[in-house]
Amino acid sequence: MLVADILAANDVAENKPIRDIAYETLKHAIIIGDIPAGTRIIETHYADKLHISRTPLREAMRQLELDGLVEYKERKGVIVSAFTIEDIEEIFTIRNALMMLIMPSIIENVTDEDIAALSAILDRMDVSQRNEDADALAQLNREFHRTMEHIARKVRILRVIDSQEEYIQRFAALSIASIVRRSHAHQEHHQMIDFLRARDLEGLCRLMRHHLDESKETCLNAVRSGKRLPKKT
């Protein structure tokens, strides 16, 4: 996606520096696999492709390097890094720990309207589950969890969770793709709503910890077995 396209799609973006828009565009493309691991980032090519000068592109590259998404190699230039088992494990560990931190706030703030909204998403997930539609289920899974997360109203914690969103979406696709895992996770979503209705913090924490750990381990096992990270569609 060109910088101009992003500006047209999001009025808020027009207040962002070009380097930030370039960074977000390239980060997204790397995470979803549009720019595969091992690709050499040639400044002139990507400056022309993004319709920007080389200065903001270099600034974006420095931030991507800090993120561990690219690395400078002597005589090769800037190369897109591959995700390692350690990268995936660290990202899930951060997200899972933050999720557990907001559980008390979710129980404290949840309303009947929130539960109705989650139930409506779950009804759509029931259909995708019966149809074994992994793509639809993956999208609804994130919608369900994001809806639950925002009940907490913990703006700063949610900002950090959201910063990992694209990573989690791509990695979690490995878990969703497993029919067995999909079935277990789906039943757990129903149980989460039951715990929310009962305002049962202990039960919700116990279930959510298991749910998140299972997703993490399923993804790690899939990568260890040689499966490639899927591109987000």
Foldseek 3Di string as FASTA:
>chain_A
DALVVVCVVDVVCVPPDPLVSLLVVVVLCDLLQVQDFFHADDQVVVCVVNVHDSVSVVVSLVVCVVVVQWDQDPPRGITGHDDDLVNLLVLLVLLLVLQLVLLLLLLVQDDPVLLVVLVVLLVVLVVCLVVVPLLVNLVSVVVNVVSSSCSSVPVVSVVVNVVCVSNCSQLLSLQSNDNVSVVVLSVLSVVLSVCSVVSPSVVNSVSSSVNSVVSSVSSSVCVVVPDDGHRRD
